[in-house]
Amino acid sequence: LGLRENTTIVLWGDHGFFLGEHGMWTKHSTLTEAIQVPLLVSTPGVTAATTKAMTEYVDIYPSLCELAGIQAPDYLHGTSFVPVLKEPSSQVKDEIYTRYARGEAVVDTDFSYTEFVNKDGVPSAYMLFDMQKDPSQNVDVSKRAPYKEFVKKYRKKLKRMRTEMNKAPF
C-alpha cells in the first residue's frame, strides 16, 4: 500500500522491569532497570540505527509534531529528538528526569540522583550513584566526602525541575 513512505510509527514501553535486580520485582523504583524502556521509531527518510541518546516520554509529542511539520505548542516540556533520528551519535538532552511515587530523580551519563520527598514535597532522603564506576547502581555514594558537591549540584537540578513543573499551565 506504500504506507511506509508517509507514516511514522512509534513503539515504546511504559516502564522498565526488575527481575530480581536489587532484590526487587516489577517496576517500583527510579533505578535504571525501572526507567530504561524500549523506544522504536520508524519514519520516512531515516535509516535504522541504535543510539545511547537520552530522551523522555515528554519528548515523543514534540518529535511527532516536527516529523509531521506541525508547530508544537509552546507550553510543552519536551524536546524533539528528531536530530537524533537523523544522526544517532548526536544528543538533544544531557539529562533526564523521572519520578516514581515519592522518588524523584535526575539522571545523566555521570550520575543518577534520587530524592525521596515527604507528603509536603520536602526531600527527606536521597541517594547518588556514580554511573561511570557503578552503572548497575549498587553503591550509594551520596554520603561520601568526594561526592558532596555532586549531591548539591543534582539537588539544585531537581529543585529547578520542581519549580518549572509548578509553573506548568495544566
Foldseek 3Di string as FASTA:
>chain_A
DPVLQADKDKDKDPWFFDPCQVHDGGQADPAPRTHDIDIDMRHHPFDDDDAPADADPLQPVVQVCVSVVHDDDPLGPYHHPVVCSRPVHDYDDQWDWDDGDQWIWIDGQAKIKIFGADPVRHGDDIFMDGCVVCVSPPDTCCPPPVCVVVNVVRVVVVVVVVVSVVPRPD
